[in-house]
């Protein structure tokens, strides 16, 4: 009688909870939404599509890239943050969405608390570039020029962008002054350098390559730990004795909503790092001068924290605030 009651009880429980006694659904069992915080086209979108194309093969599931532009990535971050933390919604976070934007203005998310770090994709160095018509061929020439000329200016991709904050950091480190001119994107900023309206710019290396190779601008130094294979004669800032630029990159990583299960994060991270070791993907990403940088979730989390703190410090010391 007791055995019959027990079996009836477990049967009723199974009806109430269909997963009882069954193995959990293997992850992933359906396509994964991959949110990209920019419009389709351009470097960030290219990185996302190239990476997820190969990643899907390794993971055994397809990715659906969803471009959500607007607000400097804030809209995409909010959608990601509010999504179910089951691994089926991920975001390509990058230096703006999780670094410079929350450092320079109030946003409706915490870049550390509201997301789960999955892993890094990779990064490209930034490059200090000057108008080739200037009498500037080295960083020492650059310093002399800005100190001898009181009315120089530099362009950026926008107020609060990495291209803006990098130059502000360099001004701190090297003790010079130059005026900031903000543009709506890196292309119009470059146009004014080429036209001679501004003298300097600090873009990602990929954006600089066509103008450097054409001879219209001159590349003086790059961020990062190593010289670029494309421009082996150009020193890093570290080599020039300017500390604090060795780990500054235009980086791209993968995050999900806060609270993702550890086993799902591990599955995603392992498969991502595996595909980043694929020479075919490395070659594809090199078109945007991206160097794959596989990391464990905790390593990526620590990188995010350090990057955010760096830009918060620059913003405070340079009195930059964009809330108004």
Protein backbone atom coordinates (compact mmCIF):
# COMPACT_ATOMS: atom_id res chain seq x y z
CA UNK A 1 0.00 0.00 0.00
CA UNK A 2 2.82 2.42 0.92
CA UNK A 3 4.72 1.43 -2.24
CA UNK A 4 1.62 2.08 -4.36
CA UNK A 5 1.13 5.47 -2.73
CA UNK A 6 4.78 6.37 -3.32
CA UNK A 7 4.57 5.45 -7.02
CA UNK A 8 1.35 7.40 -7.41
CA UNK A 9 3.00 10.36 -5.71
CA UNK A 10 6.03 10.32 -7.96
CA UNK A 11 3.79 9.98 -10.98
CA UNK A 12 1.83 13.06 -9.95
CA UNK A 13 5.07 14.96 -9.37
CA UNK A 14 6.30 13.96 -12.82
CA UNK A 15 3.12 15.34 -14.35
CA UNK A 16 3.57 18.59 -12.42
CA UNK A 17 7.24 18.81 -13.35
CA UNK A 18 7.85 17.11 -16.73
CA UNK A 19 11.66 17.32 -16.37
CA UNK A 20 11.68 15.08 -13.29
CA UNK A 21 13.49 11.89 -14.10
CA UNK A 22 14.63 13.19 -17.48
CA UNK A 23 18.09 14.45 -18.38
CA UNK A 24 18.44 18.22 -18.65
CA UNK A 25 18.28 19.74 -22.11
CA UNK A 26 21.76 19.77 -23.56
CA UNK A 27 23.13 23.25 -24.26
CA UNK A 28 22.89 24.55 -26.90
CA UNK A 29 19.80 23.00 -28.46
CA UNK A 30 18.65 26.00 -30.48
CA UNK A 31 20.17 29.09 -32.17
CA UNK A 32 21.87 31.72 -30.00
CA UNK A 33 21.06 35.41 -30.40
CA UNK A 34 24.27 37.45 -30.66
CA UNK A 35 23.64 41.15 -30.09
CA UNK A 36 26.04 43.59 -31.72
CA UNK A 37 25.75 47.17 -30.39
CA UNK A 38 26.35 48.84 -33.77
CA UNK A 39 24.65 49.03 -37.15
CA UNK A 40 25.41 46.36 -39.74
CA UNK A 41 28.64 46.97 -41.63
CA UNK A 42 31.88 48.30 -40.20
CA UNK A 43 34.62 46.73 -38.14
CA UNK A 44 32.69 45.66 -35.04
CA UNK A 45 29.97 43.96 -37.09
CA UNK A 46 32.62 42.24 -39.21
CA UNK A 47 34.32 40.85 -36.10
CA UNK A 48 31.00 39.53 -34.77
CA UNK A 49 29.96 37.81 -37.98
CA UNK A 50 33.39 36.32 -38.68
CA UNK A 51 33.68 34.99 -35.13
CA UNK A 52 30.18 33.57 -34.76
CA UNK A 53 30.36 31.92 -38.20
CA UNK A 54 33.29 29.78 -37.05
CA UNK A 55 32.17 29.55 -33.42
CA UNK A 56 28.85 28.00 -34.44
CA UNK A 57 30.67 25.15 -36.17
CA UNK A 58 32.67 24.38 -33.04
CA UNK A 59 29.76 24.80 -30.64
CA UNK A 60 27.35 22.80 -32.79
CA UNK A 61 24.75 25.55 -32.94
CA UNK A 62 24.04 28.54 -35.14
CA UNK A 63 24.25 32.18 -34.08
CA UNK A 64 21.79 34.83 -35.20
CA UNK A 65 23.51 38.23 -35.28
CA UNK A 66 21.20 41.04 -34.16
CA UNK A 67 22.45 44.58 -34.77
CA UNK A 68 21.09 47.05 -32.20
CA UNK A 69 22.60 50.48 -32.69
CA UNK A 70 21.92 53.64 -30.71
CA UNK A 71 22.99 55.41 -27.56
CA UNK A 72 26.62 54.38 -27.85
CA UNK A 73 25.64 50.76 -27.27
CA UNK A 74 23.38 51.53 -24.30
CA UNK A 75 20.25 50.12 -25.96
CA UNK A 76 21.98 46.85 -26.80
CA UNK A 77 23.36 46.58 -23.27
CA UNK A 78 19.92 47.11 -21.75
CA UNK A 79 18.35 44.42 -23.92
CA UNK A 80 21.13 41.98 -23.06
CA UNK A 81 20.92 42.78 -19.36
CA UNK A 82 17.16 42.11 -19.31
CA UNK A 83 17.33 38.85 -21.27
CA UNK A 84 17.00 35.42 -19.73
CA UNK A 85 20.36 34.23 -18.38
CA UNK A 86 20.22 30.86 -20.14
CA UNK A 87 23.08 31.33 -22.61
CA UNK A 88 20.81 31.93 -25.60
CA UNK A 89 21.34 35.70 -25.59
CA UNK A 90 24.89 37.01 -25.79
CA UNK A 91 26.38 40.38 -26.65
CA UNK A 92 29.61 41.46 -28.27
CA UNK A 93 30.64 43.94 -25.62
CA UNK A 94 33.55 46.17 -26.50
CA UNK A 95 35.64 49.02 -25.16
CA UNK A 96 32.84 51.58 -25.62
CA UNK A 97 29.85 49.70 -24.19
CA UNK A 98 31.63 48.34 -21.12
CA UNK A 99 34.42 50.90 -20.77
CA UNK A 100 34.40 54.45 -22.09
CA UNK A 101 30.63 55.04 -22.24
CA UNK A 102 29.86 54.11 -18.60
CA UNK A 103 33.00 56.01 -17.57
CA UNK A 104 31.84 59.25 -19.14
CA UNK A 105 28.09 59.30 -18.50
CA UNK A 106 25.27 57.87 -16.42
CA UNK A 107 23.89 54.69 -17.99
CA UNK A 108 21.07 52.38 -16.95
CA UNK A 109 23.38 49.42 -16.36
CA UNK A 110 26.43 48.50 -14.36
CA UNK A 111 29.10 47.17 -16.77
CA UNK A 112 30.41 44.78 -14.12
CA UNK A 113 27.36 43.72 -12.08
CA UNK A 114 24.73 43.36 -14.80
CA UNK A 115 26.64 41.04 -17.14
CA UNK A 116 28.33 37.64 -17.12
CA UNK A 117 31.79 37.60 -18.70
CA UNK A 118 32.10 34.77 -21.23
CA UNK A 119 35.44 35.56 -22.85
CA UNK A 120 37.55 37.89 -24.95
CA UNK A 121 37.58 37.73 -28.75
CA UNK A 122 40.55 39.98 -29.42
CA UNK A 123 41.83 43.49 -29.86
CA UNK A 124 43.64 45.87 -32.15
CA UNK A 125 46.11 48.55 -31.06
CA UNK A 126 45.40 52.22 -31.39
CA UNK A 127 47.79 54.37 -33.37
CA UNK A 128 48.97 57.95 -32.92
CA UNK A 129 48.73 59.46 -36.41
CA UNK A 130 49.73 62.89 -37.71
CA UNK A 131 49.19 64.78 -40.94
CA UNK A 132 52.09 63.76 -43.21
CA UNK A 133 52.56 67.38 -44.25
CA UNK A 134 53.75 68.29 -40.76
CA UNK A 135 57.48 68.27 -39.91
CA UNK A 136 56.86 65.35 -37.54
CA UNK A 137 58.45 61.94 -38.05
CA UNK A 138 58.96 60.63 -34.52
CA UNK A 139 57.25 60.95 -31.16
CA UNK A 140 59.96 63.37 -30.03
CA UNK A 141 59.17 65.50 -33.09
CA UNK A 142 55.50 65.35 -32.11
CA UNK A 143 56.18 66.58 -28.58
CA UNK A 144 58.34 69.41 -29.83
CA UNK A 145 55.70 70.43 -32.37
CA UNK A 146 52.77 70.55 -29.91
CA UNK A 147 54.87 72.44 -27.35
CA UNK A 148 56.13 74.96 -29.91
CA UNK A 149 52.70 75.52 -31.49
CA UNK A 150 49.99 76.73 -29.14
CA UNK A 151 46.97 76.22 -31.43
CA UNK A 152 47.09 72.55 -32.45
CA UNK A 153 44.05 70.30 -32.31
CA UNK A 154 43.15 66.65 -32.69
CA UNK A 155 40.07 64.85 -33.96
CA UNK A 156 38.18 61.98 -32.37
CA UNK A 157 35.32 59.66 -33.28
CA UNK A 158 33.19 61.45 -30.68
CA UNK A 159 33.25 62.92 -27.21
CA UNK A 160 33.92 60.15 -24.70
CA UNK A 161 35.14 57.70 -27.35
CA UNK A 162 38.35 55.73 -26.95
CA UNK A 163 39.98 58.00 -29.55
CA UNK A 164 39.14 60.97 -27.30
CA UNK A 165 40.14 59.51 -23.93
CA UNK A 166 43.38 58.04 -25.27
CA UNK A 167 44.67 61.44 -26.33
CA UNK A 168 43.62 62.90 -23.00
CA UNK A 169 45.60 60.18 -21.26
CA UNK A 170 48.61 60.86 -23.49
CA UNK A 171 48.37 64.59 -22.66
CA UNK A 172 48.57 63.67 -18.98
CA UNK A 173 51.51 61.34 -19.44
CA UNK A 174 53.59 63.61 -21.68
CA UNK A 175 52.60 67.06 -20.42
CA UNK A 176 51.37 68.82 -23.54
CA UNK A 177 48.16 70.58 -24.54
CA UNK A 178 46.09 70.33 -27.71
CA UNK A 179 42.42 71.04 -28.34
CA UNK A 180 39.83 68.33 -28.90
CA UNK A 181 37.48 68.36 -31.90
CA UNK A 182 34.73 65.72 -31.68
CA UNK A 183 33.24 64.18 -34.84
CA UNK A 184 30.42 61.73 -35.46
CA UNK A 185 32.62 58.79 -36.30
CA UNK A 186 36.19 58.07 -37.27
CA UNK A 187 35.72 58.64 -41.03
CA UNK A 188 34.83 62.36 -40.82
CA UNK A 189 37.55 62.82 -38.21
CA UNK A 190 40.09 61.37 -40.63
CA UNK A 191 38.78 63.54 -43.47
CA UNK A 192 39.68 66.68 -41.55
CA UNK A 193 43.17 65.39 -40.78
CA UNK A 194 43.66 64.74 -44.48
CA UNK A 195 42.35 68.22 -45.24
CA UNK A 196 44.69 69.80 -42.70
CA UNK A 197 41.89 71.16 -40.47
CA UNK A 198 43.14 69.05 -37.57
CA UNK A 199 46.65 67.78 -37.08
CA UNK A 200 46.44 64.54 -35.07
CA UNK A 201 44.21 61.53 -34.45
CA UNK A 202 44.40 58.38 -32.31
CA UNK A 203 42.33 55.73 -34.18
CA UNK A 204 42.31 51.96 -34.14
CA UNK A 205 45.08 50.63 -36.36
CA UNK A 206 42.69 49.15 -38.94
CA UNK A 207 41.14 52.56 -39.61
CA UNK A 208 44.60 54.10 -40.05
CA UNK A 209 46.08 51.51 -42.43
CA UNK A 210 44.74 52.82 -45.78
CA UNK A 211 45.77 56.41 -44.98
CA UNK A 212 49.20 55.35 -43.71
CA UNK A 213 49.90 53.20 -46.78
CA UNK A 214 48.78 56.04 -49.07
CA UNK A 215 51.36 58.30 -47.41
CA UNK A 216 48.79 60.93 -46.40
CA UNK A 217 49.35 60.44 -42.68
CA UNK A 218 52.30 59.31 -40.62
CA UNK A 219 52.16 56.63 -37.92
CA UNK A 220 54.28 57.52 -34.87
CA UNK A 221 53.52 54.91 -32.18
CA UNK A 222 51.01 52.24 -31.23
CA UNK A 223 49.46 50.95 -28.02
CA UNK A 224 49.87 47.34 -26.93
CA UNK A 225 52.71 45.12 -25.82
CA UNK A 226 54.22 44.36 -29.23
CA UNK A 227 54.95 46.10 -32.50
CA UNK A 228 52.57 45.56 -35.37
CA UNK A 229 53.64 42.93 -37.91
CA UNK A 230 52.22 45.23 -40.57
CA UNK A 231 54.37 48.17 -39.40
CA UNK A 232 57.41 46.64 -37.69
CA UNK A 233 59.37 49.93 -37.68
CA UNK A 234 56.76 51.73 -35.57
CA UNK A 235 57.51 51.58 -31.81
CA UNK A 236 55.07 50.92 -29.01
CA UNK A 237 54.52 53.60 -26.38
CA UNK A 238 56.10 51.24 -23.88
CA UNK A 239 59.31 51.26 -25.95
CA UNK A 240 59.21 55.05 -25.93
CA UNK A 241 59.16 55.00 -22.13
CA UNK A 242 55.50 56.04 -21.84
CA UNK A 243 53.89 53.70 -19.34
CA UNK A 244 50.25 52.68 -19.16
CA UNK A 245 49.56 52.04 -22.85
CA UNK A 246 50.69 48.44 -23.08
CA UNK A 247 47.24 46.94 -22.41
CA UNK A 248 45.08 49.59 -24.11
CA UNK A 249 43.32 48.19 -27.15
CA UNK A 250 40.19 48.53 -29.22
CA UNK A 251 38.91 45.24 -27.81
CA UNK A 252 35.92 42.99 -28.44
CA UNK A 253 34.54 40.38 -26.06
CA UNK A 254 31.48 38.29 -25.27
CA UNK A 255 29.12 38.89 -22.36
CA UNK A 256 25.69 37.64 -21.33
CA UNK A 257 23.13 38.65 -18.72
CA UNK A 258 24.16 38.40 -15.07
CA UNK A 259 23.56 35.03 -13.42
CA UNK A 260 24.36 32.66 -16.28
CA UNK A 261 24.96 29.07 -15.07
CA UNK A 262 28.63 28.19 -14.66
CA UNK A 263 28.41 25.08 -16.84
CA UNK A 264 26.92 27.04 -19.75
CA UNK A 265 29.57 29.75 -19.39
CA UNK A 266 32.25 27.04 -19.41
CA UNK A 267 30.80 25.46 -22.57
CA UNK A 268 30.71 28.81 -24.34
CA UNK A 269 34.18 29.85 -23.18
CA UNK A 270 35.85 26.56 -24.09
CA UNK A 271 34.36 26.55 -27.58
CA UNK A 272 35.16 30.25 -28.13
CA UNK A 273 38.79 29.81 -27.12
CA UNK A 274 39.05 26.75 -29.35
CA UNK A 275 37.85 28.64 -32.41
CA UNK A 276 40.13 31.60 -31.63
CA UNK A 277 43.06 29.20 -31.99
CA UNK A 278 41.96 28.38 -35.54
CA UNK A 279 44.43 29.92 -38.04
CA UNK A 280 41.58 30.49 -40.50
CA UNK A 281 39.74 32.78 -38.06
CA UNK A 282 42.98 34.51 -37.10
CA UNK A 283 43.57 35.32 -40.78
CA UNK A 284 40.00 36.57 -41.19
CA UNK A 285 40.23 38.84 -38.13
CA UNK A 286 43.59 40.20 -39.29
CA UNK A 287 41.71 42.13 -41.99
CA UNK A 288 40.56 44.39 -39.14
CA UNK A 289 44.01 44.15 -37.48
CA UNK A 290 42.44 42.07 -34.70
CA UNK A 291 44.71 39.74 -32.75
CA UNK A 292 42.79 36.87 -31.07
CA UNK A 293 43.10 37.02 -27.27
CA UNK A 294 41.54 33.90 -25.70
CA UNK A 295 40.85 34.31 -21.97
CA UNK A 296 39.08 32.47 -19.20
CA UNK A 297 35.91 34.22 -17.95
CA UNK A 298 37.62 35.43 -14.79
CA UNK A 299 40.52 36.84 -16.82
CA UNK A 300 38.16 38.72 -19.10
CA UNK A 301 36.26 40.00 -16.07
CA UNK A 302 39.51 41.32 -14.55
CA UNK A 303 40.44 42.96 -17.87
CA UNK A 304 37.05 44.71 -18.01
CA UNK A 305 37.40 45.96 -14.45
CA UNK A 306 40.88 47.38 -15.06
CA UNK A 307 39.84 49.04 -18.33
CA UNK A 308 36.78 50.67 -16.76
CA UNK A 309 38.77 51.93 -13.77
CA UNK A 310 41.41 53.40 -16.11
CA UNK A 311 38.88 55.46 -18.06
CA UNK A 312 37.00 56.51 -14.93
CA UNK A 313 40.29 57.87 -13.59
CA UNK A 314 41.08 59.77 -16.82
CA UNK A 315 37.57 61.21 -16.93
CA UNK A 316 37.82 62.43 -13.34
CA UNK A 317 41.30 63.92 -13.70
CA UNK A 318 40.54 65.59 -17.04
CA UNK A 319 37.13 66.78 -15.84
CA UNK A 320 35.25 65.11 -18.70
CA UNK A 321 31.49 64.60 -18.20
CA UNK A 322 28.93 64.02 -20.93
CA UNK A 323 25.67 63.69 -18.97
CA UNK A 324 24.44 67.15 -19.89
